[in-house]
Amino acid sequence: MRERHRQSTGRYAGKTAIERHAERRQKLLDAALQLFGAGPGYRSTTVAALCETAGLSTRQFYEEFRTLEDVLAALHLQVNDWAEKAVIEALTQTEGQPLAERYGSVFRAYAASIAVDPRRIRMTFTEIVGVSPRMDEQRLARRARWIDLMCAEAAAAALRGEAADRDYRIAAAAFIGSVNGLLHDWSAGWVDGTLDEVVEELVRLLLALLRPAG
């Protein structure tokens, strides 16, 4: 495994070493979003091509990352962080609203974060799959966070009498799989409908899962 170069310290061009480090790292992630998410894809991208797109040297690459897979891992987490932040903000802003309105807003926020850029959909649902056991573990760990969030929301809804009081873990896993598959297929042009129609259908599915008997 190639060792990372020692990072420089001190201020240069008005920026601290930490600021320069963060700027280079983000340039590499931005370049990766373009190459992995739009083409040619992770498996056909080289370190040299990534550095050329980012406008950095390979030496600077190895100051930030050990391998190209490390870039893929960081980018996958970044895209998920964007979506999670949008969902948390929507949940906060819709607290106290009726269930249907609340989750309509939440799913629009999630879809807006992911579907605003087709590269994000490809990164979330395609490029990371089957790369390595490490990436599969990260993908499933991140999905588990979404499952935990959904189960927590379902438990809160049950306390308010808006949802059945039961264990939602399997239902949450099935529903999140549906979300991923439907958004992927919609972005690929295999689903004939607008994004709003896709979101409305997902909300109907979720409400059907949550609604108490009778």
N, C-alpha and C. Protein backbone atom coordinates (compact mmCIF):
# COMPACT_ATOMS: atom_id res chain seq x y z
N MET A 1 0.85 -1.20 0.00
CA MET A 1 0.00 0.00 0.00
C MET A 1 0.88 1.24 0.00
N ARG A 2 0.53 2.19 -0.85
CA ARG A 2 1.32 3.40 -0.95
C ARG A 2 1.13 4.26 0.28
N GLU A 3 2.22 4.79 0.82
CA GLU A 3 2.14 5.66 1.98
C GLU A 3 1.72 7.06 1.54
N ARG A 4 0.93 7.72 2.38
CA ARG A 4 0.56 9.09 2.08
C ARG A 4 1.73 10.00 2.37
N HIS A 5 1.90 11.02 1.52
CA HIS A 5 2.95 12.00 1.72
C HIS A 5 2.64 12.83 2.97
N ARG A 6 3.68 13.27 3.62
CA ARG A 6 3.50 14.14 4.77
C ARG A 6 2.93 15.48 4.31
N GLN A 7 1.88 15.93 5.00
CA GLN A 7 1.25 17.18 4.61
C GLN A 7 2.06 18.36 5.13
N SER A 8 2.07 19.42 4.33
CA SER A 8 2.79 20.63 4.73
C SER A 8 2.01 21.35 5.82
N THR A 9 2.73 22.14 6.60
CA THR A 9 2.10 22.90 7.67
C THR A 9 2.35 24.38 7.43
N GLY A 10 1.68 25.23 8.21
CA GLY A 10 1.89 26.66 8.08
C GLY A 10 0.94 27.29 7.08
N ARG A 11 1.00 28.63 6.99
CA ARG A 11 0.11 29.39 6.13
C ARG A 11 0.77 29.63 4.78
N TYR A 12 -0.03 29.48 3.71
CA TYR A 12 0.47 29.71 2.36
C TYR A 12 -0.67 30.31 1.55
N ALA A 13 -0.37 31.41 0.83
CA ALA A 13 -1.37 32.10 0.01
C ALA A 13 -2.59 32.49 0.84
N GLY A 14 -2.35 32.85 2.09
CA GLY A 14 -3.42 33.30 2.96
C GLY A 14 -4.26 32.20 3.55
N LYS A 15 -3.90 30.93 3.35
CA LYS A 15 -4.68 29.81 3.86
C LYS A 15 -3.83 28.94 4.77
N THR A 16 -4.45 28.41 5.80
CA THR A 16 -3.75 27.51 6.70
C THR A 16 -3.61 26.14 6.03
N ALA A 17 -2.77 25.30 6.62
CA ALA A 17 -2.60 23.95 6.09
C ALA A 17 -3.91 23.18 6.13
N ILE A 18 -4.69 23.39 7.19
CA ILE A 18 -5.98 22.69 7.30
C ILE A 18 -6.92 23.15 6.20
N GLU A 19 -6.94 24.43 5.91
CA GLU A 19 -7.81 24.96 4.85
C GLU A 19 -7.38 24.43 3.49
N ARG A 20 -6.07 24.39 3.24
CA ARG A 20 -5.58 23.86 1.96
C ARG A 20 -5.92 22.38 1.82
N HIS A 21 -5.78 21.65 2.91
CA HIS A 21 -6.11 20.23 2.92
C HIS A 21 -7.59 20.02 2.57
N ALA A 22 -8.47 20.79 3.22
CA ALA A 22 -9.91 20.66 2.96
C ALA A 22 -10.25 21.04 1.53
N GLU A 23 -9.61 22.06 1.01
CA GLU A 23 -9.87 22.51 -0.36
C GLU A 23 -9.43 21.46 -1.38
N ARG A 24 -8.25 20.90 -1.20
CA ARG A 24 -7.78 19.85 -2.11
C ARG A 24 -8.69 18.62 -2.05
N ARG A 25 -9.06 18.25 -0.84
CA ARG A 25 -9.91 17.07 -0.68
C ARG A 25 -11.24 17.27 -1.40
N GLN A 26 -11.83 18.47 -1.25
CA GLN A 26 -13.10 18.72 -1.90
C GLN A 26 -12.96 18.76 -3.42
N LYS A 27 -11.86 19.29 -3.91
CA LYS A 27 -11.62 19.28 -5.36
C LYS A 27 -11.58 17.85 -5.89
N LEU A 28 -10.95 16.96 -5.15
CA LEU A 28 -10.88 15.56 -5.57
C LEU A 28 -12.25 14.91 -5.51
N LEU A 29 -13.04 15.24 -4.50
CA LEU A 29 -14.39 14.68 -4.40
C LEU A 29 -15.29 15.23 -5.50
N ASP A 30 -15.14 16.50 -5.82
CA ASP A 30 -15.93 17.09 -6.91
C ASP A 30 -15.58 16.43 -8.25
N ALA A 31 -14.29 16.20 -8.45
CA ALA A 31 -13.86 15.53 -9.68
C ALA A 31 -14.37 14.10 -9.72
N ALA A 32 -14.37 13.44 -8.56
CA ALA A 32 -14.86 12.06 -8.49
C ALA A 32 -16.36 12.00 -8.78
N LEU A 33 -17.11 12.99 -8.30
CA LEU A 33 -18.54 13.01 -8.59
C LEU A 33 -18.78 13.08 -10.08
N GLN A 34 -17.96 13.83 -10.79
CA GLN A 34 -18.09 13.95 -12.24
C GLN A 34 -17.68 12.65 -12.94
N LEU A 35 -16.53 12.11 -12.56
CA LEU A 35 -16.01 10.93 -13.26
C LEU A 35 -16.75 9.65 -12.86
N PHE A 36 -17.04 9.49 -11.58
CA PHE A 36 -17.74 8.29 -11.13
C PHE A 36 -19.23 8.38 -11.45
N GLY A 37 -19.79 9.59 -11.29
CA GLY A 37 -21.23 9.74 -11.40
C GLY A 37 -21.75 10.02 -12.79
N ALA A 38 -20.91 10.58 -13.66
CA ALA A 38 -21.36 10.90 -15.02
C ALA A 38 -20.65 10.06 -16.07
N GLY A 39 -19.46 9.66 -15.79
CA GLY A 39 -18.70 8.85 -16.73
C GLY A 39 -17.23 9.18 -16.63
N PRO A 40 -16.40 8.20 -16.83
CA PRO A 40 -16.65 6.82 -17.27
C PRO A 40 -17.08 5.85 -16.17
N GLY A 41 -17.18 6.31 -14.91
CA GLY A 41 -17.53 5.44 -13.81
C GLY A 41 -16.31 5.10 -12.97
N TYR A 42 -16.56 4.64 -11.76
CA TYR A 42 -15.46 4.36 -10.84
C TYR A 42 -14.48 3.33 -11.40
N ARG A 43 -15.00 2.25 -11.94
CA ARG A 43 -14.14 1.15 -12.37
C ARG A 43 -13.26 1.51 -13.56
N SER A 44 -13.62 2.55 -14.29
CA SER A 44 -12.83 2.95 -15.46
C SER A 44 -12.04 4.23 -15.23
N THR A 45 -12.01 4.71 -13.99
CA THR A 45 -11.28 5.94 -13.66
C THR A 45 -9.95 5.60 -13.02
N THR A 46 -8.92 6.32 -13.38
CA THR A 46 -7.60 6.15 -12.79
C THR A 46 -7.28 7.33 -11.88
N VAL A 47 -6.29 7.14 -11.03
CA VAL A 47 -5.84 8.24 -10.17
C VAL A 47 -5.38 9.41 -11.03
N ALA A 48 -4.66 9.11 -12.10
CA ALA A 48 -4.17 10.17 -12.97
C ALA A 48 -5.31 10.97 -13.59
N ALA A 49 -6.36 10.27 -14.03
CA ALA A 49 -7.51 10.96 -14.63
C ALA A 49 -8.24 11.81 -13.60
N LEU A 50 -8.35 11.29 -12.39
CA LEU A 50 -9.01 12.04 -11.33
C LEU A 50 -8.23 13.31 -11.01
N CYS A 51 -6.91 13.18 -10.93
CA CYS A 51 -6.07 14.34 -10.61
C CYS A 51 -6.13 15.39 -11.72
N GLU A 52 -6.15 14.93 -12.96
CA GLU A 52 -6.24 15.87 -14.09
C GLU A 52 -7.55 16.65 -14.03
N THR A 53 -8.65 15.95 -13.73
CA THR A 53 -9.95 16.61 -13.65
C THR A 53 -9.99 17.60 -12.48
N ALA A 54 -9.35 17.23 -11.38
CA ALA A 54 -9.33 18.08 -10.19
C ALA A 54 -8.33 19.22 -10.30
N GLY A 55 -7.42 19.13 -11.27
CA GLY A 55 -6.38 20.15 -11.39
C GLY A 55 -5.33 20.04 -10.31
N LEU A 56 -5.07 18.80 -9.86
CA LEU A 56 -4.08 18.55 -8.82
C LEU A 56 -3.09 17.52 -9.29
N SER A 57 -1.99 17.39 -8.56
CA SER A 57 -0.96 16.41 -8.89
C SER A 57 -1.25 15.10 -8.17
N THR A 58 -0.64 14.02 -8.64
CA THR A 58 -0.79 12.75 -7.94
C THR A 58 -0.18 12.83 -6.55
N ARG A 59 0.86 13.62 -6.37
CA ARG A 59 1.43 13.79 -5.03
C ARG A 59 0.39 14.38 -4.10
N GLN A 60 -0.36 15.37 -4.58
CA GLN A 60 -1.41 15.96 -3.75
C GLN A 60 -2.53 14.98 -3.48
N PHE A 61 -2.81 14.10 -4.46
CA PHE A 61 -3.82 13.06 -4.23
C PHE A 61 -3.43 12.20 -3.04
N TYR A 62 -2.18 11.73 -3.03
CA TYR A 62 -1.75 10.82 -1.96
C TYR A 62 -1.53 11.52 -0.63
N GLU A 63 -1.59 12.83 -0.62
CA GLU A 63 -1.61 13.56 0.65
C GLU A 63 -3.00 13.49 1.29
N GLU A 64 -4.03 13.24 0.45
CA GLU A 64 -5.41 13.24 0.93
C GLU A 64 -6.00 11.84 1.04
N PHE A 65 -5.66 10.96 0.12
CA PHE A 65 -6.25 9.62 0.08
C PHE A 65 -5.17 8.58 -0.17
N ARG A 66 -5.43 7.36 0.30
CA ARG A 66 -4.49 6.26 0.03
C ARG A 66 -4.79 5.59 -1.31
N THR A 67 -6.07 5.40 -1.59
CA THR A 67 -6.47 4.69 -2.80
C THR A 67 -7.68 5.38 -3.44
N LEU A 68 -7.96 4.98 -4.67
CA LEU A 68 -9.15 5.49 -5.35
C LEU A 68 -10.42 5.01 -4.65
N GLU A 69 -10.37 3.83 -4.06
CA GLU A 69 -11.54 3.33 -3.32
C GLU A 69 -11.84 4.20 -2.11
N ASP A 70 -10.81 4.78 -1.50
CA ASP A 70 -11.03 5.71 -0.40
C ASP A 70 -11.83 6.93 -0.86
N VAL A 71 -11.57 7.37 -2.08
CA VAL A 71 -12.32 8.50 -2.64
C VAL A 71 -13.78 8.09 -2.84
N LEU A 72 -13.98 6.91 -3.39
CA LEU A 72 -15.34 6.40 -3.59
C LEU A 72 -16.09 6.33 -2.27
N ALA A 73 -15.43 5.83 -1.23
CA ALA A 73 -16.05 5.71 0.08
C ALA A 73 -16.44 7.08 0.62
N ALA A 74 -15.53 8.04 0.52
CA ALA A 74 -15.79 9.39 1.03
C ALA A 74 -16.91 10.06 0.26
N LEU A 75 -16.95 9.86 -1.05
CA LEU A 75 -17.98 10.50 -1.88
C LEU A 75 -19.35 9.89 -1.59
N HIS A 76 -19.40 8.59 -1.44
CA HIS A 76 -20.66 7.92 -1.10
C HIS A 76 -21.22 8.45 0.21
N LEU A 77 -20.37 8.63 1.20
CA LEU A 77 -20.81 9.17 2.49
C LEU A 77 -21.26 10.62 2.35
N GLN A 78 -20.55 11.39 1.54
CA GLN A 78 -20.91 12.80 1.36
C GLN A 78 -22.30 12.94 0.75
N VAL A 79 -22.58 12.17 -0.30
CA VAL A 79 -23.89 12.23 -0.95
C VAL A 79 -24.99 11.83 0.03
N ASN A 80 -24.74 10.79 0.83
CA ASN A 80 -25.72 10.38 1.83
C ASN A 80 -25.90 11.42 2.92
N ASP A 81 -24.80 12.08 3.29
CA ASP A 81 -24.89 13.15 4.29
C ASP A 81 -25.78 14.29 3.80
N TRP A 82 -25.64 14.65 2.53
CA TRP A 82 -26.49 15.70 1.96
C TRP A 82 -27.97 15.31 2.07
N ALA A 83 -28.28 14.06 1.72
CA ALA A 83 -29.67 13.60 1.76
C ALA A 83 -30.17 13.54 3.20
N GLU A 84 -29.34 13.05 4.11
CA GLU A 84 -29.75 12.93 5.50
C GLU A 84 -30.01 14.32 6.11
N LYS A 85 -29.17 15.26 5.78
CA LYS A 85 -29.36 16.62 6.28
C LYS A 85 -30.68 17.19 5.79
N ALA A 86 -31.00 16.96 4.51
CA ALA A 86 -32.26 17.46 3.95
C ALA A 86 -33.46 16.83 4.65
N VAL A 87 -33.37 15.54 4.96
CA VAL A 87 -34.47 14.84 5.63
C VAL A 87 -34.64 15.34 7.06
N ILE A 88 -33.55 15.48 7.80
CA ILE A 88 -33.62 15.95 9.18
C ILE A 88 -34.23 17.35 9.23
N GLU A 89 -33.81 18.21 8.31
CA GLU A 89 -34.37 19.57 8.27
C GLU A 89 -35.86 19.54 7.98
N ALA A 90 -36.28 18.66 7.06
CA ALA A 90 -37.71 18.56 6.73
C ALA A 90 -38.50 18.02 7.91
N LEU A 91 -37.95 17.05 8.64
CA LEU A 91 -38.63 16.52 9.82
C LEU A 91 -38.79 17.60 10.89
N THR A 92 -37.76 18.41 11.06
CA THR A 92 -37.81 19.48 12.05
C THR A 92 -38.85 20.53 11.68
N GLN A 93 -38.89 20.88 10.40
CA GLN A 93 -39.80 21.93 9.94
C GLN A 93 -41.25 21.50 9.92
N THR A 94 -41.52 20.18 9.86
CA THR A 94 -42.90 19.69 9.74
C THR A 94 -43.40 19.05 11.03
N GLU A 95 -42.68 19.24 12.11
CA GLU A 95 -43.09 18.64 13.38
C GLU A 95 -44.49 19.12 13.76
N GLY A 96 -45.35 18.16 14.11
CA GLY A 96 -46.71 18.50 14.50
C GLY A 96 -47.71 18.48 13.37
N GLN A 97 -47.25 18.37 12.14
CA GLN A 97 -48.17 18.32 11.01
C GLN A 97 -48.77 16.92 10.88
N PRO A 98 -49.93 16.78 10.21
CA PRO A 98 -50.51 15.45 9.96
C PRO A 98 -49.52 14.57 9.21
N LEU A 99 -49.64 13.27 9.44
CA LEU A 99 -48.66 12.31 8.92
C LEU A 99 -48.47 12.41 7.41
N ALA A 100 -49.56 12.49 6.66
CA ALA A 100 -49.45 12.51 5.20
C ALA A 100 -48.69 13.75 4.73
N GLU A 101 -49.01 14.91 5.31
CA GLU A 101 -48.32 16.14 4.91
C GLU A 101 -46.86 16.10 5.33
N ARG A 102 -46.61 15.58 6.52
CA ARG A 102 -45.24 15.52 7.04
C ARG A 102 -44.34 14.68 6.15
N TYR A 103 -44.80 13.48 5.82
CA TYR A 103 -43.94 12.60 5.03
C TYR A 103 -43.91 12.98 3.56
N GLY A 104 -44.93 13.68 3.09
CA GLY A 104 -44.83 14.24 1.75
C GLY A 104 -43.69 15.23 1.67
N SER A 105 -43.58 16.09 2.67
CA SER A 105 -42.49 17.08 2.70
C SER A 105 -41.14 16.40 2.85
N VAL A 106 -41.09 15.37 3.69
CA VAL A 106 -39.81 14.67 3.93
C VAL A 106 -39.32 14.00 2.65
N PHE A 107 -40.21 13.32 1.95
CA PHE A 107 -39.78 12.64 0.73
C PHE A 107 -39.44 13.61 -0.39
N ARG A 108 -40.12 14.72 -0.44
CA ARG A 108 -39.74 15.73 -1.43
C ARG A 108 -38.34 16.26 -1.13
N ALA A 109 -38.04 16.44 0.15
CA ALA A 109 -36.70 16.91 0.52
C ALA A 109 -35.64 15.88 0.16
N TYR A 110 -35.92 14.60 0.44
CA TYR A 110 -34.97 13.54 0.09
C TYR A 110 -34.78 13.45 -1.42
N ALA A 111 -35.89 13.43 -2.14
CA ALA A 111 -35.82 13.31 -3.60
C ALA A 111 -35.12 14.50 -4.21
N ALA A 112 -35.37 15.70 -3.66
CA ALA A 112 -34.72 16.89 -4.18
C ALA A 112 -33.21 16.80 -3.99
N SER A 113 -32.77 16.26 -2.86
CA SER A 113 -31.34 16.15 -2.59
C SER A 113 -30.67 15.14 -3.51
N ILE A 114 -31.33 14.00 -3.72
CA ILE A 114 -30.74 12.94 -4.53
C ILE A 114 -30.93 13.19 -6.02
N ALA A 115 -32.16 13.52 -6.41
CA ALA A 115 -32.50 13.61 -7.82
C ALA A 115 -32.14 14.94 -8.46
N VAL A 116 -31.72 15.92 -7.66
CA VAL A 116 -31.32 17.20 -8.22
C VAL A 116 -30.13 17.03 -9.15
N ASP A 117 -29.37 15.98 -8.96
CA ASP A 117 -28.18 15.72 -9.76
C ASP A 117 -28.11 14.23 -10.07
N PRO A 118 -28.29 13.82 -11.33
CA PRO A 118 -28.25 12.39 -11.67
C PRO A 118 -26.97 11.70 -11.22
N ARG A 119 -25.89 12.45 -11.08
CA ARG A 119 -24.65 11.85 -10.61
C ARG A 119 -24.79 11.33 -9.18
N ARG A 120 -25.59 12.01 -8.38
CA ARG A 120 -25.79 11.57 -7.00
C ARG A 120 -26.56 10.25 -6.96
N ILE A 121 -27.54 10.11 -7.84
CA ILE A 121 -28.29 8.85 -7.90
C ILE A 121 -27.37 7.70 -8.30
N ARG A 122 -26.54 7.94 -9.29
CA ARG A 122 -25.62 6.89 -9.73
C ARG A 122 -24.64 6.52 -8.62
N MET A 123 -24.16 7.52 -7.88
CA MET A 123 -23.24 7.25 -6.79
C MET A 123 -23.93 6.47 -5.68
N THR A 124 -25.17 6.81 -5.37
CA THR A 124 -25.89 6.20 -4.26
C THR A 124 -26.32 4.77 -4.55
N PHE A 125 -26.78 4.52 -5.77
CA PHE A 125 -27.43 3.25 -6.07
C PHE A 125 -26.67 2.33 -7.02
N THR A 126 -25.62 2.82 -7.68
CA THR A 126 -24.98 2.00 -8.71
C THR A 126 -23.49 1.81 -8.49
N GLU A 127 -22.73 2.89 -8.45
CA GLU A 127 -21.28 2.80 -8.51
C GLU A 127 -20.66 2.06 -7.32
N ILE A 128 -21.27 2.13 -6.17
CA ILE A 128 -20.69 1.52 -4.98
C ILE A 128 -20.98 0.03 -4.87
N VAL A 129 -21.97 -0.45 -5.62
CA VAL A 129 -22.42 -1.83 -5.47
C VAL A 129 -21.39 -2.81 -6.05
N GLY A 130 -21.00 -3.80 -5.25
CA GLY A 130 -20.12 -4.87 -5.72
C GLY A 130 -18.67 -4.50 -5.90
N VAL A 131 -18.26 -3.32 -5.45
CA VAL A 131 -16.86 -2.91 -5.61
C VAL A 131 -15.95 -3.76 -4.75
N SER A 132 -16.31 -3.94 -3.50
CA SER A 132 -15.49 -4.70 -2.56
C SER A 132 -16.32 -4.99 -1.32
N PRO A 133 -15.90 -5.97 -0.51
CA PRO A 133 -16.62 -6.22 0.75
C PRO A 133 -16.68 -4.97 1.63
N ARG A 134 -15.62 -4.18 1.62
CA ARG A 134 -15.61 -2.95 2.42
C ARG A 134 -16.71 -2.00 1.97
N MET A 135 -16.86 -1.82 0.67
CA MET A 135 -17.87 -0.89 0.16
C MET A 135 -19.28 -1.44 0.37
N ASP A 136 -19.43 -2.76 0.25
CA ASP A 136 -20.74 -3.35 0.52
C ASP A 136 -21.12 -3.14 1.98
N GLU A 137 -20.14 -3.28 2.88
CA GLU A 137 -20.40 -3.08 4.30
C GLU A 137 -20.78 -1.62 4.58
N GLN A 138 -20.09 -0.69 3.93
CA GLN A 138 -20.41 0.72 4.12
C GLN A 138 -21.80 1.03 3.60
N ARG A 139 -22.13 0.49 2.42
CA ARG A 139 -23.46 0.74 1.83
C ARG A 139 -24.56 0.22 2.75
N LEU A 140 -24.38 -0.98 3.29
CA LEU A 140 -25.40 -1.56 4.17
C LEU A 140 -25.45 -0.84 5.52
N ALA A 141 -24.29 -0.39 5.99
CA ALA A 141 -24.27 0.37 7.25
C ALA A 141 -25.02 1.69 7.09
N ARG A 142 -24.84 2.32 5.95
CA ARG A 142 -25.56 3.58 5.72
C ARG A 142 -27.05 3.32 5.57
N ARG A 143 -27.41 2.22 4.92
CA ARG A 143 -28.83 1.88 4.81
C ARG A 143 -29.42 1.62 6.19
N ALA A 144 -28.62 1.02 7.08
CA ALA A 144 -29.10 0.75 8.44
C ALA A 144 -29.43 2.05 9.17
N ARG A 145 -28.69 3.11 8.88
CA ARG A 145 -29.01 4.40 9.50
C ARG A 145 -30.37 4.91 9.04
N TRP A 146 -30.68 4.72 7.76
CA TRP A 146 -31.99 5.11 7.26
C TRP A 146 -33.09 4.26 7.90
N ILE A 147 -32.81 2.97 8.09
CA ILE A 147 -33.79 2.08 8.73
C ILE A 147 -34.04 2.53 10.17
N ASP A 148 -32.96 2.86 10.89
CA ASP A 148 -33.10 3.32 12.28
C ASP A 148 -33.94 4.60 12.34
N LEU A 149 -33.70 5.51 11.39
CA LEU A 149 -34.45 6.76 11.36
C LEU A 149 -35.93 6.50 11.11
N MET A 150 -36.22 5.62 10.17
CA MET A 150 -37.61 5.32 9.85
C MET A 150 -38.30 4.63 11.03
N CYS A 151 -37.60 3.71 11.70
CA CYS A 151 -38.18 3.02 12.85
C CYS A 151 -38.46 4.00 13.99
N ALA A 152 -37.57 4.94 14.19
CA ALA A 152 -37.77 5.94 15.24
C ALA A 152 -38.99 6.80 14.93
N GLU A 153 -39.15 7.19 13.66
CA GLU A 153 -40.31 7.98 13.27
C GLU A 153 -41.60 7.17 13.41
N ALA A 154 -41.54 5.89 13.07
CA ALA A 154 -42.73 5.03 13.19
C ALA A 154 -43.12 4.87 14.65
N ALA A 155 -42.13 4.72 15.53
CA ALA A 155 -42.41 4.57 16.96
C ALA A 155 -43.06 5.84 17.51
N ALA A 156 -42.57 7.00 17.08
CA ALA A 156 -43.15 8.26 17.52
C ALA A 156 -44.57 8.41 17.00
N ALA A 157 -44.80 8.00 15.76
CA ALA A 157 -46.15 8.07 15.19
C ALA A 157 -47.10 7.12 15.92
N ALA A 158 -46.59 5.96 16.35
CA ALA A 158 -47.42 5.02 17.10
C ALA A 158 -47.84 5.61 18.45
N LEU A 159 -46.95 6.33 19.10
CA LEU A 159 -47.29 6.97 20.37
C LEU A 159 -48.39 8.02 20.20
N ARG A 160 -48.42 8.65 19.01
CA ARG A 160 -49.45 9.65 18.74
C ARG A 160 -50.75 9.02 18.23
N GLY A 161 -50.72 7.70 18.05
CA GLY A 161 -51.90 7.03 17.54
C GLY A 161 -52.05 7.11 16.03
N GLU A 162 -50.99 7.53 15.34
CA GLU A 162 -51.06 7.68 13.88
C GLU A 162 -50.52 6.45 13.16
N ALA A 163 -49.92 5.51 13.88
CA ALA A 163 -49.35 4.33 13.26
C ALA A 163 -49.59 3.13 14.17
N ALA A 164 -49.58 1.96 13.56
CA ALA A 164 -49.73 0.73 14.33
C ALA A 164 -48.51 0.55 15.24
N ASP A 165 -48.74 0.03 16.43
CA ASP A 165 -47.66 -0.19 17.39
C ASP A 165 -47.08 -1.58 17.16
N ARG A 166 -46.01 -1.64 16.37
CA ARG A 166 -45.37 -2.92 16.05
C ARG A 166 -43.92 -2.70 15.68
N ASP A 167 -43.21 -3.79 15.47
CA ASP A 167 -41.80 -3.72 15.06
C ASP A 167 -41.76 -3.43 13.56
N TYR A 168 -41.10 -2.31 13.18
CA TYR A 168 -41.09 -1.89 11.78
C TYR A 168 -39.77 -2.19 11.07
N ARG A 169 -38.85 -2.92 11.70
CA ARG A 169 -37.52 -3.03 11.11
C ARG A 169 -37.55 -3.72 9.74
N ILE A 170 -38.27 -4.82 9.62
CA ILE A 170 -38.35 -5.50 8.32
C ILE A 170 -39.09 -4.65 7.31
N ALA A 171 -40.17 -4.04 7.74
CA ALA A 171 -40.94 -3.17 6.83
C ALA A 171 -40.10 -1.99 6.37
N ALA A 172 -39.30 -1.44 7.28
CA ALA A 172 -38.45 -0.31 6.91
C ALA A 172 -37.40 -0.72 5.89
N ALA A 173 -36.81 -1.90 6.07
CA ALA A 173 -35.81 -2.39 5.11
C ALA A 173 -36.44 -2.60 3.74
N ALA A 174 -37.65 -3.16 3.74
CA ALA A 174 -38.34 -3.39 2.46
C ALA A 174 -38.70 -2.07 1.80
N PHE A 175 -39.16 -1.12 2.59
CA PHE A 175 -39.57 0.16 2.03
C PHE A 175 -38.38 0.92 1.47
N ILE A 176 -37.27 0.94 2.20
CA ILE A 176 -36.08 1.66 1.73
C ILE A 176 -35.55 1.01 0.45
N GLY A 177 -35.64 -0.31 0.37
CA GLY A 177 -35.27 -0.96 -0.89
C GLY A 177 -36.16 -0.50 -2.04
N SER A 178 -37.44 -0.31 -1.75
CA SER A 178 -38.36 0.20 -2.77
C SER A 178 -38.01 1.61 -3.19
N VAL A 179 -37.66 2.45 -2.21
CA VAL A 179 -37.27 3.83 -2.50
C VAL A 179 -36.06 3.84 -3.43
N ASN A 180 -35.04 3.07 -3.06
CA ASN A 180 -33.82 3.03 -3.86
C ASN A 180 -34.09 2.54 -5.28
N GLY A 181 -34.85 1.45 -5.38
CA GLY A 181 -35.12 0.88 -6.69
C GLY A 181 -35.95 1.80 -7.57
N LEU A 182 -36.97 2.42 -6.98
CA LEU A 182 -37.85 3.28 -7.77
C LEU A 182 -37.12 4.54 -8.24
N LEU A 183 -36.34 5.16 -7.35
CA LEU A 183 -35.61 6.36 -7.76
C LEU A 183 -34.55 6.03 -8.81
N HIS A 184 -33.89 4.89 -8.66
CA HIS A 184 -32.90 4.47 -9.67
C HIS A 184 -33.58 4.27 -11.02
N ASP A 185 -34.70 3.54 -11.02
CA ASP A 185 -35.38 3.25 -12.28
C ASP A 185 -35.96 4.52 -12.90
N TRP A 186 -36.46 5.43 -12.05
CA TRP A 186 -36.97 6.70 -12.56
C TRP A 186 -35.85 7.50 -13.23
N SER A 187 -34.69 7.56 -12.58
CA SER A 187 -33.58 8.34 -13.14
C SER A 187 -33.07 7.74 -14.44
N ALA A 188 -33.22 6.41 -14.58
CA ALA A 188 -32.78 5.74 -15.80
C ALA A 188 -33.82 5.81 -16.92
N GLY A 189 -34.97 6.42 -16.64
CA GLY A 189 -36.00 6.54 -17.66
C GLY A 189 -36.89 5.34 -17.79
N TRP A 190 -36.84 4.42 -16.83
CA TRP A 190 -37.65 3.20 -16.90
C TRP A 190 -39.02 3.37 -16.25
N VAL A 191 -39.23 4.48 -15.54
CA VAL A 191 -40.52 4.76 -14.91
C VAL A 191 -41.11 5.99 -15.57
N ASP A 192 -42.30 5.83 -16.12
CA ASP A 192 -42.96 6.93 -16.83
C ASP A 192 -43.73 7.77 -15.81
N GLY A 193 -43.14 8.86 -15.39
CA GLY A 193 -43.80 9.73 -14.42
C GLY A 193 -42.87 10.84 -13.99
N THR A 194 -43.43 11.86 -13.39
CA THR A 194 -42.62 12.96 -12.89
C THR A 194 -42.07 12.57 -11.51
N LEU A 195 -41.10 13.34 -11.06
CA LEU A 195 -40.55 13.10 -9.73
C LEU A 195 -41.61 13.29 -8.66
N ASP A 196 -42.49 14.27 -8.84
CA ASP A 196 -43.58 14.48 -7.88
C ASP A 196 -44.49 13.26 -7.81
N GLU A 197 -44.77 12.65 -8.96
CA GLU A 197 -45.61 11.45 -8.97
C GLU A 197 -44.93 10.29 -8.27
N VAL A 198 -43.61 10.17 -8.45
CA VAL A 198 -42.85 9.13 -7.77
C VAL A 198 -42.90 9.34 -6.26
N VAL A 199 -42.71 10.58 -5.83
CA VAL A 199 -42.74 10.90 -4.40
C VAL A 199 -44.13 10.60 -3.81
N GLU A 200 -45.18 11.00 -4.52
CA GLU A 200 -46.54 10.75 -4.04
C GLU A 200 -46.81 9.26 -3.87
N GLU A 201 -46.29 8.46 -4.80
CA GLU A 201 -46.49 7.01 -4.70
C GLU A 201 -45.74 6.44 -3.50
N LEU A 202 -44.55 6.95 -3.25
CA LEU A 202 -43.77 6.49 -2.10
C LEU A 202 -44.47 6.86 -0.79
N VAL A 203 -45.05 8.05 -0.74
CA VAL A 203 -45.78 8.46 0.46
C VAL A 203 -46.99 7.55 0.69
N ARG A 204 -47.70 7.21 -0.37
CA ARG A 204 -48.85 6.29 -0.23
C ARG A 204 -48.39 4.94 0.30
N LEU A 205 -47.27 4.45 -0.20
CA LEU A 205 -46.75 3.16 0.28
C LEU A 205 -46.40 3.24 1.77
N LEU A 206 -45.76 4.33 2.16
CA LEU A 206 -45.35 4.47 3.55
C LEU A 206 -46.58 4.56 4.47
N LEU A 207 -47.56 5.34 4.08
CA LEU A 207 -48.76 5.48 4.90
C LEU A 207 -49.49 4.14 5.02
N ALA A 208 -49.47 3.36 3.97
CA ALA A 208 -50.10 2.03 4.03
C ALA A 208 -49.38 1.13 5.03
N LEU A 209 -48.06 1.27 5.12
CA LEU A 209 -47.30 0.48 6.09
C LEU A 209 -47.58 0.92 7.52
N LEU A 210 -47.76 2.22 7.72
CA LEU A 210 -47.89 2.76 9.06
C LEU A 210 -49.31 2.72 9.61
N ARG A 211 -50.29 2.80 8.72
CA ARG A 211 -51.66 3.04 9.16
C ARG A 211 -52.15 1.93 10.09
N PRO A 212 -52.71 2.29 11.25
CA PRO A 212 -53.24 1.27 12.16
C PRO A 212 -54.39 0.49 11.53
N ALA A 213 -54.59 -0.73 11.99
CA ALA A 213 -55.70 -1.54 11.47
C ALA A 213 -57.01 -0.83 11.74
N GLY A 214 -57.88 -0.77 10.71
CA GLY A 214 -59.18 -0.12 10.86
C GLY A 214 -59.12 1.38 10.71
